[in-house]
């Protein structure tokens, strides 16, 4: 963790190629979550830039050994880590509440091929939809959406974040490109 500061400070000074906006609509009857990601390009790009959509969930808990958390900070030998230095290794499941749990990444870590034309001018806005059949085990009230703009090397150029309620408030429109997954695919 001590090395994160320098890398973060270097990276935050690089202007992103696009700003990402997230909109959504959710049909509680069918469980269909439709997500709209719009990329507002601040500078021209060329090459295979891609979009990906991550649905995360907060306040995830469970029981059993599979829910315990490995803790390299137990005992304090690796320094302070938000209180984990005073917890055992592993931290028992009963003491863990997980936030930012990635439930799905659409279409994959590599993003959607052909998300954009091979060259895009500054000022252009391109939109893509992602469709997810939300499984019954997910808490719809705890979902968040993260959009990722990946550069041709597969590195994240920029990201956008919205709670599901904020994304729904932003609205939803059908886009020029659509990526979907059903519960049977999960």
Protein backbone atom coordinates (compact mmCIF):
# COMPACT_ATOMS: atom_id res chain seq x y z
CA UNK A 1 0.00 0.00 0.00
CA UNK A 2 2.83 2.45 0.62
CA UNK A 3 3.71 2.36 -3.10
CA UNK A 4 0.17 3.23 -4.20
CA UNK A 5 0.46 6.96 -3.49
CA UNK A 6 3.21 7.63 -6.04
CA UNK A 7 1.54 5.58 -8.78
CA UNK A 8 -1.81 7.24 -8.08
CA UNK A 9 -0.32 10.74 -8.15
CA UNK A 10 1.42 10.00 -11.48
CA UNK A 11 -1.72 8.55 -13.04
CA UNK A 12 -4.19 11.19 -11.84
CA UNK A 13 -2.30 13.88 -13.73
CA UNK A 14 -2.92 12.14 -17.10
CA UNK A 15 -5.98 13.53 -18.87
CA UNK A 16 -8.46 10.81 -19.84
CA UNK A 17 -9.48 10.34 -23.46
CA UNK A 18 -13.18 10.38 -22.52
CA UNK A 19 -15.54 11.01 -19.62
CA UNK A 20 -18.03 8.23 -18.97
CA UNK A 21 -21.68 8.74 -18.02
CA UNK A 22 -23.91 5.92 -16.79
CA UNK A 23 -27.66 5.60 -17.12
CA UNK A 24 -29.91 2.64 -16.39
CA UNK A 25 -33.38 1.21 -16.12
CA UNK A 26 -34.48 -1.78 -14.07
CA UNK A 27 -37.58 -3.92 -14.46
CA UNK A 28 -38.27 -5.55 -11.07
CA UNK A 29 -40.82 -7.88 -12.67
CA UNK A 30 -38.36 -9.47 -15.09
CA UNK A 31 -35.10 -8.70 -13.26
CA UNK A 32 -33.70 -7.06 -16.39
CA UNK A 33 -31.13 -4.32 -15.72
CA UNK A 34 -30.31 -2.24 -18.78
CA UNK A 35 -27.23 -0.03 -18.51
CA UNK A 36 -26.24 2.77 -20.85
CA UNK A 37 -22.62 3.93 -20.95
CA UNK A 38 -21.81 7.10 -22.90
CA UNK A 39 -18.24 8.06 -23.68
CA UNK A 40 -17.77 11.81 -24.22
CA UNK A 41 -14.40 12.04 -25.97
CA UNK A 42 -12.20 14.87 -24.78
CA UNK A 43 -9.48 14.08 -27.28
CA UNK A 44 -9.21 12.13 -30.51
CA UNK A 45 -8.46 8.41 -30.38
CA UNK A 46 -7.53 5.73 -32.85
CA UNK A 47 -7.15 2.03 -32.38
CA UNK A 48 -9.13 -0.55 -30.50
CA UNK A 49 -10.50 1.31 -27.48
CA UNK A 50 -13.15 -0.70 -25.64
CA UNK A 51 -15.87 -0.32 -23.04
CA UNK A 52 -16.63 -2.70 -20.19
CA UNK A 53 -19.36 -2.57 -17.56
CA UNK A 54 -18.95 -3.85 -14.01
CA UNK A 55 -21.88 -4.36 -11.66
CA UNK A 56 -20.78 -4.30 -8.03
CA UNK A 57 -22.65 -4.96 -4.81
CA UNK A 58 -22.07 -3.53 -1.33
CA UNK A 59 -22.86 -5.03 2.09
CA UNK A 60 -22.30 -8.61 0.96
CA UNK A 61 -22.05 -11.13 3.81
CA UNK A 62 -22.00 -14.87 4.16
CA UNK A 63 -21.09 -17.68 6.49
CA UNK A 64 -18.62 -20.52 6.40
CA UNK A 65 -14.90 -20.67 5.76
CA UNK A 66 -15.29 -19.49 2.16
CA UNK A 67 -16.41 -16.11 3.49
CA UNK A 68 -13.44 -15.59 5.81
CA UNK A 69 -10.95 -12.90 4.75
CA UNK A 70 -7.24 -13.55 4.47
CA UNK A 71 -5.44 -10.89 6.51
CA UNK A 72 -1.76 -10.16 5.83
CA UNK A 73 -1.98 -7.28 8.33
CA UNK A 74 -2.82 -9.46 11.36
CA UNK A 75 -0.53 -8.69 14.27
CA UNK A 76 0.60 -5.34 12.85
CA UNK A 77 3.83 -6.61 11.24
CA UNK A 78 2.91 -5.06 7.89
CA UNK A 79 1.80 -1.73 9.36
CA UNK A 80 -1.64 -0.21 9.79
CA UNK A 81 -4.53 -1.11 7.53
CA UNK A 82 -7.79 0.41 8.68
CA UNK A 83 -8.05 -1.75 11.77
CA UNK A 84 -7.19 -5.06 10.11
CA UNK A 85 -3.88 -5.05 12.01
CA UNK A 86 -5.82 -5.91 15.21
CA UNK A 87 -7.92 -8.67 13.60
CA UNK A 88 -6.87 -12.33 13.25
CA UNK A 89 -5.77 -14.14 10.09
CA UNK A 90 -8.12 -15.14 8.62
CA UNK A 91 -10.80 -12.71 9.72
CA UNK A 92 -13.88 -14.85 10.54
CA UNK A 93 -16.83 -14.58 8.14
CA UNK A 94 -19.04 -13.27 10.96
CA UNK A 95 -16.82 -10.16 11.16
CA UNK A 96 -16.71 -9.44 7.43
CA UNK A 97 -18.93 -7.21 5.32
CA UNK A 98 -17.73 -6.90 1.74
CA UNK A 99 -18.22 -3.76 -0.36
CA UNK A 100 -17.47 -3.24 -4.05
CA UNK A 101 -17.91 -6.95 -4.83
CA UNK A 102 -17.75 -7.34 -8.60
CA UNK A 103 -20.78 -9.47 -9.47
CA UNK A 104 -20.23 -9.37 -13.23
CA UNK A 105 -17.93 -7.74 -15.78
CA UNK A 106 -19.46 -7.39 -19.22
CA UNK A 107 -18.48 -8.63 -21.61
CA UNK A 108 -15.15 -9.51 -19.95
CA UNK A 109 -12.00 -7.98 -18.47
CA UNK A 110 -10.93 -7.21 -22.05
CA UNK A 111 -13.97 -5.04 -22.83
CA UNK A 112 -16.21 -5.15 -25.90
CA UNK A 113 -14.36 -5.34 -29.23
CA UNK A 114 -15.63 -2.76 -31.69
CA UNK A 115 -16.96 -0.46 -28.98
CA UNK A 116 -16.00 2.53 -31.11
CA UNK A 117 -15.04 3.28 -34.70
CA UNK A 118 -11.31 2.89 -35.42
CA UNK A 119 -10.92 6.65 -35.05
CA UNK A 120 -12.99 9.05 -32.99
CA UNK A 121 -12.71 12.85 -32.97
CA UNK A 122 -12.66 15.00 -29.85
CA UNK A 123 -16.21 16.06 -29.02
CA UNK A 124 -17.88 12.88 -30.27
CA UNK A 125 -20.13 10.93 -27.90
CA UNK A 126 -20.60 7.17 -28.34
CA UNK A 127 -23.06 5.08 -26.34
CA UNK A 128 -23.30 1.36 -25.64
CA UNK A 129 -25.91 -0.67 -23.74
CA UNK A 130 -25.27 -3.62 -21.45
CA UNK A 131 -28.12 -5.93 -20.39
CA UNK A 132 -28.05 -8.10 -17.29
CA UNK A 133 -30.66 -10.51 -15.94
CA UNK A 134 -30.10 -9.85 -12.23
CA UNK A 135 -30.03 -13.13 -10.24
CA UNK A 136 -32.36 -13.39 -7.24
CA UNK A 137 -29.39 -13.55 -4.82
CA UNK A 138 -28.22 -10.02 -5.59
CA UNK A 139 -29.54 -7.13 -3.47
CA UNK A 140 -30.80 -4.63 -6.05
CA UNK A 141 -30.65 -1.85 -3.42
CA UNK A 142 -26.91 -2.36 -2.99
CA UNK A 143 -25.87 -2.42 -6.66
CA UNK A 144 -23.48 0.05 -8.28
CA UNK A 145 -22.30 0.36 -11.86
CA UNK A 146 -18.73 1.01 -12.95
CA UNK A 147 -17.92 1.76 -16.59
CA UNK A 148 -14.39 1.23 -17.88
CA UNK A 149 -12.72 2.77 -20.93
CA UNK A 150 -9.86 0.47 -21.95
CA UNK A 151 -7.08 1.63 -24.25
CA UNK A 152 -5.69 -0.58 -27.05
CA UNK A 153 -3.12 -2.07 -24.63
CA UNK A 154 -5.96 -3.12 -22.30
CA UNK A 155 -5.11 -0.54 -19.63
CA UNK A 156 -7.92 1.45 -18.03
CA UNK A 157 -7.88 4.97 -19.47
CA UNK A 158 -10.81 6.18 -17.37
CA UNK A 159 -13.74 4.91 -15.34
CA UNK A 160 -17.16 6.15 -14.33
CA UNK A 161 -19.22 5.19 -11.27
CA UNK A 162 -22.88 5.47 -10.34
CA UNK A 163 -25.07 3.91 -7.73
CA UNK A 164 -27.95 2.08 -9.36
CA UNK A 165 -30.40 4.72 -8.11
CA UNK A 166 -28.27 7.53 -9.58
CA UNK A 167 -27.93 5.64 -12.88
CA UNK A 168 -31.72 5.21 -13.04
CA UNK A 169 -32.14 8.93 -12.30
CA UNK A 170 -29.76 9.65 -15.22
CA UNK A 171 -32.15 7.81 -17.55
CA UNK A 172 -31.70 5.22 -20.26
CA UNK A 173 -31.80 5.27 -24.05
CA UNK A 174 -31.15 2.50 -26.54
CA UNK A 175 -27.68 2.74 -27.97
CA UNK A 176 -25.91 2.01 -31.20
CA UNK A 177 -24.36 -1.15 -29.71
CA UNK A 178 -25.67 -3.66 -27.18
CA UNK A 179 -24.02 -6.38 -25.04
CA UNK A 180 -26.11 -8.76 -22.96
CA UNK A 181 -25.95 -11.65 -20.56
CA UNK A 182 -28.66 -13.77 -19.01
CA UNK A 183 -28.75 -15.47 -15.62
CA UNK A 184 -28.14 -18.80 -17.33
CA UNK A 185 -24.82 -17.40 -18.58
CA UNK A 186 -23.64 -16.57 -15.06
